[in-house]
PDB file of all heavy atoms in Angstrom:
ATOM      1  N   LEU A   1     -65.639 -18.794 -26.098  1.00  0.00           N
ATOM      2  CA  LEU A   1     -65.032 -19.756 -25.166  1.00  0.00           C
ATOM      3  C   LEU A   1     -63.574 -20.065 -25.489  1.00  0.00           C
ATOM      4  O   LEU A   1     -62.774 -20.318 -24.597  1.00  0.00           O
ATOM      5  CB  LEU A   1     -65.827 -21.066 -25.164  1.00  0.00           C
ATOM      6  CG  LEU A   1     -67.327 -20.960 -24.880  1.00  0.00           C
ATOM      7  CD1 LEU A   1     -67.968 -22.328 -24.971  1.00  0.00           C
ATOM      8  CD2 LEU A   1     -67.584 -20.351 -23.515  1.00  0.00           C
ATOM      9  N   GLY A   2     -63.244 -20.082 -26.781  1.00  0.00           N
ATOM     10  CA  GLY A   2     -61.912 -20.503 -27.206  1.00  0.00           C
ATOM     11  C   GLY A   2     -62.013 -21.751 -28.066  1.00  0.00           C
ATOM     12  O   GLY A   2     -63.105 -22.325 -28.228  1.00  0.00           O
ATOM     13  N   THR A   3     -60.898 -22.188 -28.593  1.00  0.00           N
ATOM     14  CA  THR A   3     -60.916 -23.343 -29.493  1.00  0.00           C
ATOM     15  C   THR A   3     -59.607 -24.127 -29.411  1.00  0.00           C
ATOM     16  O   THR A   3     -58.585 -23.585 -28.982  1.00  0.00           O
ATOM     17  CB  THR A   3     -61.168 -22.861 -30.949  1.00  0.00           C
ATOM     18  OG1 THR A   3     -61.344 -23.973 -31.787  1.00  0.00           O
ATOM     19  CG2 THR A   3     -60.031 -21.997 -31.468  1.00  0.00           C
ATOM     20  N   SER A   4     -59.668 -25.389 -29.805  1.00  0.00           N
ATOM     21  CA  SER A   4     -58.461 -26.229 -29.828  1.00  0.00           C
ATOM     22  C   SER A   4     -57.754 -26.058 -31.160  1.00  0.00           C
ATOM     23  O   SER A   4     -58.379 -26.175 -32.218  1.00  0.00           O
ATOM     24  CB  SER A   4     -58.832 -27.702 -29.617  1.00  0.00           C
ATOM     25  OG  SER A   4     -59.335 -27.899 -28.325  1.00  0.00           O
ATOM     26  N   ILE A   5     -56.465 -25.758 -31.087  1.00  0.00           N
ATOM     27  CA  ILE A   5     -55.658 -25.544 -32.294  1.00  0.00           C
ATOM     28  C   ILE A   5     -54.542 -26.576 -32.339  1.00  0.00           C
ATOM     29  O   ILE A   5     -53.900 -26.865 -31.326  1.00  0.00           O
ATOM     30  CB  ILE A   5     -55.076 -24.103 -32.303  1.00  0.00           C
ATOM     31  CG1 ILE A   5     -56.207 -23.073 -32.426  1.00  0.00           C
ATOM     32  CG2 ILE A   5     -54.080 -23.909 -33.434  1.00  0.00           C
ATOM     33  CD1 ILE A   5     -55.797 -21.649 -32.203  1.00  0.00           C
ATOM     34  N   PHE A   6     -54.309 -27.117 -33.529  1.00  0.00           N
ATOM     35  CA  PHE A   6     -53.266 -28.150 -33.680  1.00  0.00           C
ATOM     36  C   PHE A   6     -51.888 -27.490 -33.721  1.00  0.00           C
ATOM     37  O   PHE A   6     -51.623 -26.604 -34.537  1.00  0.00           O
ATOM     38  CB  PHE A   6     -53.510 -28.951 -34.967  1.00  0.00           C
ATOM     39  CG  PHE A   6     -52.590 -30.140 -35.095  1.00  0.00           C
ATOM     40  CD1 PHE A   6     -52.740 -31.247 -34.275  1.00  0.00           C
ATOM     41  CD2 PHE A   6     -51.556 -30.140 -36.035  1.00  0.00           C
ATOM     42  CE1 PHE A   6     -51.889 -32.337 -34.390  1.00  0.00           C
ATOM     43  CE2 PHE A   6     -50.705 -31.225 -36.152  1.00  0.00           C
ATOM     44  CZ  PHE A   6     -50.881 -32.339 -35.323  1.00  0.00           C
ATOM     45  N   ASN A   7     -51.025 -27.914 -32.808  1.00  0.00           N
ATOM     46  CA  ASN A   7     -49.657 -27.388 -32.747  1.00  0.00           C
ATOM     47  C   ASN A   7     -48.744 -28.317 -33.538  1.00  0.00           C
ATOM     48  O   ASN A   7     -48.551 -29.489 -33.189  1.00  0.00           O
ATOM     49  CB  ASN A   7     -49.212 -27.318 -31.279  1.00  0.00           C
ATOM     50  CG  ASN A   7     -47.882 -26.607 -31.113  1.00  0.00           C
ATOM     51  OD1 ASN A   7     -46.996 -26.697 -31.960  1.00  0.00           O
ATOM     52  ND2 ASN A   7     -47.737 -25.894 -30.010  1.00  0.00           N
ATOM     53  N   LEU A   8     -48.165 -27.795 -34.627  1.00  0.00           N
ATOM     54  CA  LEU A   8     -47.314 -28.611 -35.506  1.00  0.00           C
ATOM     55  C   LEU A   8     -46.028 -29.065 -34.814  1.00  0.00           C
ATOM     56  O   LEU A   8     -45.504 -30.138 -35.101  1.00  0.00           O
ATOM     57  CB  LEU A   8     -46.971 -27.829 -36.783  1.00  0.00           C
ATOM     58  CG  LEU A   8     -48.144 -27.624 -37.767  1.00  0.00           C
ATOM     59  CD1 LEU A   8     -47.783 -26.608 -38.822  1.00  0.00           C
ATOM     60  CD2 LEU A   8     -48.537 -28.947 -38.411  1.00  0.00           C
ATOM     61  N   LYS A   9     -45.530 -28.246 -33.890  1.00  0.00           N
ATOM     62  CA  LYS A   9     -44.273 -28.584 -33.197  1.00  0.00           C
ATOM     63  C   LYS A   9     -44.439 -29.798 -32.283  1.00  0.00           C
ATOM     64  O   LYS A   9     -43.599 -30.686 -32.241  1.00  0.00           O
ATOM     65  CB  LYS A   9     -43.778 -27.387 -32.370  1.00  0.00           C
ATOM     66  CG  LYS A   9     -43.180 -26.282 -33.227  1.00  0.00           C
ATOM     67  CD  LYS A   9     -42.690 -25.144 -32.349  1.00  0.00           C
ATOM     68  CE  LYS A   9     -42.155 -24.002 -33.224  1.00  0.00           C
ATOM     69  NZ  LYS A   9     -41.784 -22.834 -32.396  1.00  0.00           N
ATOM     70  N   THR A  10     -45.547 -29.775 -31.524  1.00  0.00           N
ATOM     71  CA  THR A  10     -45.755 -30.871 -30.557  1.00  0.00           C
ATOM     72  C   THR A  10     -46.656 -31.975 -31.107  1.00  0.00           C
ATOM     73  O   THR A  10     -46.814 -33.027 -30.491  1.00  0.00           O
ATOM     74  CB  THR A  10     -46.394 -30.325 -29.266  1.00  0.00           C
ATOM     75  OG1 THR A  10     -47.661 -29.720 -29.597  1.00  0.00           O
ATOM     76  CG2 THR A  10     -45.504 -29.303 -28.587  1.00  0.00           C
ATOM     77  N   SER A  11     -47.256 -31.732 -32.281  1.00  0.00           N
ATOM     78  CA  SER A  11     -48.214 -32.677 -32.899  1.00  0.00           C
ATOM     79  C   SER A  11     -49.386 -32.986 -31.957  1.00  0.00           C
ATOM     80  O   SER A  11     -49.890 -34.101 -31.899  1.00  0.00           O
ATOM     81  CB  SER A  11     -47.518 -33.987 -33.309  1.00  0.00           C
ATOM     82  OG  SER A  11     -46.537 -33.718 -34.257  1.00  0.00           O
ATOM     83  N   GLU A  12     -49.764 -31.975 -31.194  1.00  0.00           N
ATOM     84  CA  GLU A  12     -50.896 -32.121 -30.281  1.00  0.00           C
ATOM     85  C   GLU A  12     -51.821 -30.908 -30.385  1.00  0.00           C
ATOM     86  O   GLU A  12     -51.402 -29.835 -30.818  1.00  0.00           O
ATOM     87  CB  GLU A  12     -50.404 -32.251 -28.827  1.00  0.00           C
ATOM     88  CG  GLU A  12     -49.779 -33.583 -28.501  1.00  0.00           C
ATOM     89  CD  GLU A  12     -49.302 -33.641 -27.047  1.00  0.00           C
ATOM     90  OE1 GLU A  12     -49.323 -32.589 -26.378  1.00  0.00           O
ATOM     91  OE2 GLU A  12     -48.902 -34.740 -26.615  1.00  0.00           O
ATOM     92  N   PHE A  13     -53.064 -31.127 -29.967  1.00  0.00           N
ATOM     93  CA  PHE A  13     -54.010 -30.012 -29.941  1.00  0.00           C
ATOM     94  C   PHE A  13     -53.816 -29.197 -28.668  1.00  0.00           C
ATOM     95  O   PHE A  13     -53.653 -29.745 -27.585  1.00  0.00           O
ATOM     96  CB  PHE A  13     -55.455 -30.526 -30.000  1.00  0.00           C
ATOM     97  CG  PHE A  13     -55.906 -30.872 -31.396  1.00  0.00           C
ATOM     98  CD1 PHE A  13     -55.850 -32.194 -31.858  1.00  0.00           C
ATOM     99  CD2 PHE A  13     -56.356 -29.880 -32.248  1.00  0.00           C
ATOM    100  CE1 PHE A  13     -56.249 -32.510 -33.142  1.00  0.00           C
ATOM    101  CE2 PHE A  13     -56.762 -30.186 -33.546  1.00  0.00           C
ATOM    102  CZ  PHE A  13     -56.710 -31.505 -33.995  1.00  0.00           C
ATOM    103  N   GLU A  14     -53.797 -27.884 -28.828  1.00  0.00           N
ATOM    104  CA  GLU A  14     -53.669 -26.971 -27.686  1.00  0.00           C
ATOM    105  C   GLU A  14     -54.921 -26.117 -27.605  1.00  0.00           C
ATOM    106  O   GLU A  14     -55.439 -25.675 -28.625  1.00  0.00           O
ATOM    107  CB  GLU A  14     -52.458 -26.045 -27.876  1.00  0.00           C
ATOM    108  CG  GLU A  14     -51.142 -26.666 -27.480  1.00  0.00           C
ATOM    109  CD  GLU A  14     -49.989 -25.692 -27.690  1.00  0.00           C
ATOM    110  OE1 GLU A  14     -50.255 -24.478 -27.877  1.00  0.00           O
ATOM    111  OE2 GLU A  14     -48.833 -26.148 -27.683  1.00  0.00           O
ATOM    112  N   PHE A  15     -55.364 -25.888 -26.378  1.00  0.00           N
ATOM    113  CA  PHE A  15     -56.564 -25.060 -26.204  1.00  0.00           C
ATOM    114  C   PHE A  15     -56.175 -23.592 -26.117  1.00  0.00           C
ATOM    115  O   PHE A  15     -55.384 -23.192 -25.276  1.00  0.00           O
ATOM    116  CB  PHE A  15     -57.330 -25.475 -24.947  1.00  0.00           C
ATOM    117  CG  PHE A  15     -58.572 -24.648 -24.717  1.00  0.00           C
ATOM    118  CD1 PHE A  15     -59.618 -24.676 -25.625  1.00  0.00           C
ATOM    119  CD2 PHE A  15     -58.693 -23.821 -23.602  1.00  0.00           C
ATOM    120  CE1 PHE A  15     -60.764 -23.909 -25.419  1.00  0.00           C
ATOM    121  CE2 PHE A  15     -59.829 -23.054 -23.391  1.00  0.00           C
ATOM    122  CZ  PHE A  15     -60.862 -23.104 -24.309  1.00  0.00           C
ATOM    123  N   LYS A  16     -56.737 -22.798 -27.033  1.00  0.00           N
ATOM    124  CA  LYS A  16     -56.497 -21.343 -27.025  1.00  0.00           C
ATOM    125  C   LYS A  16     -57.710 -20.680 -26.386  1.00  0.00           C
ATOM    126  O   LYS A  16     -58.818 -20.762 -26.890  1.00  0.00           O
ATOM    127  CB  LYS A  16     -56.290 -20.846 -28.458  1.00  0.00           C
ATOM    128  CG  LYS A  16     -55.895 -19.388 -28.539  1.00  0.00           C
ATOM    129  CD  LYS A  16     -55.492 -19.029 -29.951  1.00  0.00           C
ATOM    130  CE  LYS A  16     -55.356 -17.542 -30.185  1.00  0.00           C
ATOM    131  NZ  LYS A  16     -54.712 -16.759 -29.167  1.00  0.00           N
ATOM    132  N   LYS A  17     -57.482 -20.072 -25.225  1.00  0.00           N
ATOM    133  CA  LYS A  17     -58.594 -19.489 -24.455  1.00  0.00           C
ATOM    134  C   LYS A  17     -59.242 -18.304 -25.162  1.00  0.00           C
ATOM    135  O   LYS A  17     -58.547 -17.485 -25.770  1.00  0.00           O
ATOM    136  CB  LYS A  17     -58.090 -19.051 -23.073  1.00  0.00           C
ATOM    137  CG  LYS A  17     -57.708 -20.217 -22.165  1.00  0.00           C
ATOM    138  CD  LYS A  17     -57.174 -19.725 -20.836  1.00  0.00           C
ATOM    139  CE  LYS A  17     -56.853 -20.891 -19.908  1.00  0.00           C
ATOM    140  NZ  LYS A  17     -56.308 -20.434 -18.623  1.00  0.00           N
ATOM    141  N   GLY A  18     -60.568 -18.221 -25.013  1.00  0.00           N
ATOM    142  CA  GLY A  18     -61.328 -17.111 -25.584  1.00  0.00           C
ATOM    143  C   GLY A  18     -61.454 -15.963 -24.595  1.00  0.00           C
ATOM    144  O   GLY A  18     -60.982 -16.045 -23.459  1.00  0.00           O
ATOM    145  N   PRO A  19     -62.142 -14.901 -24.999  1.00  0.00           N
ATOM    146  CA  PRO A  19     -62.252 -13.697 -24.145  1.00  0.00           C
ATOM    147  C   PRO A  19     -63.050 -13.918 -22.854  1.00  0.00           C
ATOM    148  O   PRO A  19     -62.998 -13.085 -21.959  1.00  0.00           O
ATOM    149  CB  PRO A  19     -62.942 -12.669 -25.049  1.00  0.00           C
ATOM    150  CG  PRO A  19     -63.608 -13.466 -26.113  1.00  0.00           C
ATOM    151  CD  PRO A  19     -62.783 -14.696 -26.311  1.00  0.00           C
ATOM    152  N   ILE A  20     -63.774 -15.036 -22.755  1.00  0.00           N
ATOM    153  CA  ILE A  20     -64.543 -15.302 -21.524  1.00  0.00           C
ATOM    154  C   ILE A  20     -63.602 -15.560 -20.343  1.00  0.00           C
ATOM    155  O   ILE A  20     -64.005 -15.418 -19.188  1.00  0.00           O
ATOM    156  CB  ILE A  20     -65.516 -16.501 -21.741  1.00  0.00           C
ATOM    157  CG1 ILE A  20     -66.658 -16.486 -20.712  1.00  0.00           C
ATOM    158  CG2 ILE A  20     -64.795 -17.837 -21.692  1.00  0.00           C
ATOM    159  CD1 ILE A  20     -67.734 -15.501 -20.954  1.00  0.00           C
ATOM    160  N   PHE A  21     -62.355 -15.913 -20.635  1.00  0.00           N
ATOM    161  CA  PHE A  21     -61.384 -16.181 -19.564  1.00  0.00           C
ATOM    162  C   PHE A  21     -60.828 -14.870 -19.021  1.00  0.00           C
ATOM    163  O   PHE A  21     -59.730 -14.448 -19.342  1.00  0.00           O
ATOM    164  CB  PHE A  21     -60.245 -17.080 -20.084  1.00  0.00           C
ATOM    165  CG  PHE A  21     -60.628 -18.521 -20.197  1.00  0.00           C
ATOM    166  CD1 PHE A  21     -61.256 -18.988 -21.344  1.00  0.00           C
ATOM    167  CD2 PHE A  21     -60.397 -19.408 -19.162  1.00  0.00           C
ATOM    168  CE1 PHE A  21     -61.631 -20.322 -21.453  1.00  0.00           C
ATOM    169  CE2 PHE A  21     -60.772 -20.739 -19.260  1.00  0.00           C
ATOM    170  CZ  PHE A  21     -61.396 -21.197 -20.412  1.00  0.00           C
ATOM    171  N   SER A  22     -61.654 -14.223 -18.221  1.00  0.00           N
ATOM    172  CA  SER A  22     -61.269 -12.976 -17.570  1.00  0.00           C
ATOM    173  C   SER A  22     -62.088 -12.862 -16.298  1.00  0.00           C
ATOM    174  O   SER A  22     -62.836 -13.781 -15.959  1.00  0.00           O
ATOM    175  CB  SER A  22     -61.516 -11.795 -18.510  1.00  0.00           C
ATOM    176  OG  SER A  22     -60.869 -10.640 -18.032  1.00  0.00           O
ATOM    177  N   ASN A  23     -61.953 -11.758 -15.577  1.00  0.00           N
ATOM    178  CA  ASN A  23     -62.709 -11.592 -14.323  1.00  0.00           C
ATOM    179  C   ASN A  23     -64.054 -10.923 -14.549  1.00  0.00           C
ATOM    180  O   ASN A  23     -65.062 -11.347 -14.012  1.00  0.00           O
ATOM    181  CB  ASN A  23     -61.905 -10.780 -13.314  1.00  0.00           C
ATOM    182  CG  ASN A  23     -60.611 -11.458 -12.930  1.00  0.00           C
ATOM    183  OD1 ASN A  23     -59.537 -10.969 -13.270  1.00  0.00           O
ATOM    184  ND2 ASN A  23     -60.684 -12.592 -12.255  1.00  0.00           N
ATOM    185  N   MET A  24     -64.031  -9.846 -15.324  1.00  0.00           N
ATOM    186  CA  MET A  24     -65.274  -9.129 -15.598  1.00  0.00           C
ATOM    187  C   MET A  24     -65.508  -9.112 -17.102  1.00  0.00           C
ATOM    188  O   MET A  24     -64.658  -8.666 -17.861  1.00  0.00           O
ATOM    189  CB  MET A  24     -65.195  -7.707 -15.051  1.00  0.00           C
ATOM    190  CG  MET A  24     -66.528  -7.013 -15.131  1.00  0.00           C
ATOM    191  SD  MET A  24     -66.616  -5.574 -14.064  1.00  0.00           S
ATOM    192  CE  MET A  24     -66.898  -6.309 -12.495  1.00  0.00           C
ATOM    193  N   ILE A  25     -66.664  -9.632 -17.503  1.00  0.00           N
ATOM    194  CA  ILE A  25     -66.985  -9.751 -18.927  1.00  0.00           C
ATOM    195  C   ILE A  25     -68.140  -8.819 -19.242  1.00  0.00           C
ATOM    196  O   ILE A  25     -69.209  -8.931 -18.634  1.00  0.00           O
ATOM    197  CB  ILE A  25     -67.394 -11.200 -19.293  1.00  0.00           C
ATOM    198  CG1 ILE A  25     -66.488 -12.233 -18.618  1.00  0.00           C
ATOM    199  CG2 ILE A  25     -67.460 -11.384 -20.803  1.00  0.00           C
ATOM    200  CD1 ILE A  25     -65.057 -12.231 -19.011  1.00  0.00           C
ATOM    201  N   LEU A  26     -67.931  -7.913 -20.178  1.00  0.00           N
ATOM    202  CA  LEU A  26     -69.014  -7.059 -20.652  1.00  0.00           C
ATOM    203  C   LEU A  26     -69.485  -7.602 -22.000  1.00  0.00           C
ATOM    204  O   LEU A  26     -68.718  -7.646 -22.964  1.00  0.00           O
ATOM    205  CB  LEU A  26     -68.537  -5.604 -20.791  1.00  0.00           C
ATOM    206  CG  LEU A  26     -69.481  -4.651 -21.512  1.00  0.00           C
ATOM    207  CD1 LEU A  26     -70.835  -4.565 -20.824  1.00  0.00           C
ATOM    208  CD2 LEU A  26     -68.881  -3.272 -21.651  1.00  0.00           C
ATOM    209  N   ILE A  27     -70.733  -8.069 -22.042  1.00  0.00           N
ATOM    210  CA  ILE A  27     -71.316  -8.557 -23.298  1.00  0.00           C
ATOM    211  C   ILE A  27     -72.270  -7.488 -23.794  1.00  0.00           C
ATOM    212  O   ILE A  27     -73.305  -7.220 -23.181  1.00  0.00           O
ATOM    213  CB  ILE A  27     -72.049  -9.902 -23.096  1.00  0.00           C
ATOM    214  CG1 ILE A  27     -71.043 -10.985 -22.689  1.00  0.00           C
ATOM    215  CG2 ILE A  27     -72.785 -10.303 -24.370  1.00  0.00           C
ATOM    216  CD1 ILE A  27     -71.660 -12.304 -22.328  1.00  0.00           C
ATOM    217  N   ASP A  28     -71.886  -6.858 -24.884  1.00  0.00           N
ATOM    218  CA  ASP A  28     -72.692  -5.779 -25.447  1.00  0.00           C
ATOM    219  C   ASP A  28     -73.757  -6.362 -26.366  1.00  0.00           C
ATOM    220  O   ASP A  28     -73.434  -7.143 -27.271  1.00  0.00           O
ATOM    221  CB  ASP A  28     -71.789  -4.811 -26.222  1.00  0.00           C
ATOM    222  CG  ASP A  28     -72.021  -3.381 -25.803  1.00  0.00           C
ATOM    223  OD1 ASP A  28     -72.992  -3.129 -25.067  1.00  0.00           O
ATOM    224  OD2 ASP A  28     -71.239  -2.501 -26.208  1.00  0.00           O
ATOM    225  N   GLU A  29     -75.005  -5.976 -26.145  1.00  0.00           N
ATOM    226  CA  GLU A  29     -76.155  -6.422 -26.942  1.00  0.00           C
ATOM    227  C   GLU A  29     -76.202  -7.942 -27.042  1.00  0.00           C
ATOM    228  O   GLU A  29     -76.064  -8.524 -28.119  1.00  0.00           O
ATOM    229  CB  GLU A  29     -76.121  -5.750 -28.320  1.00  0.00           C
ATOM    230  CG  GLU A  29     -76.235  -4.236 -28.228  1.00  0.00           C
ATOM    231  CD  GLU A  29     -76.669  -3.591 -29.519  1.00  0.00           C
ATOM    232  OE1 GLU A  29     -77.888  -3.561 -29.766  1.00  0.00           O
ATOM    233  OE2 GLU A  29     -75.809  -3.139 -30.278  1.00  0.00           O
TER     234      GLU A  29
END
């Protein structure tokens, strides 16, 4: 899904998107 990462420059948490953020997702096994 992704995770929130703390940005030292802005002193705020930023959401870094995971691989699910696409149009077609192939989940192997």
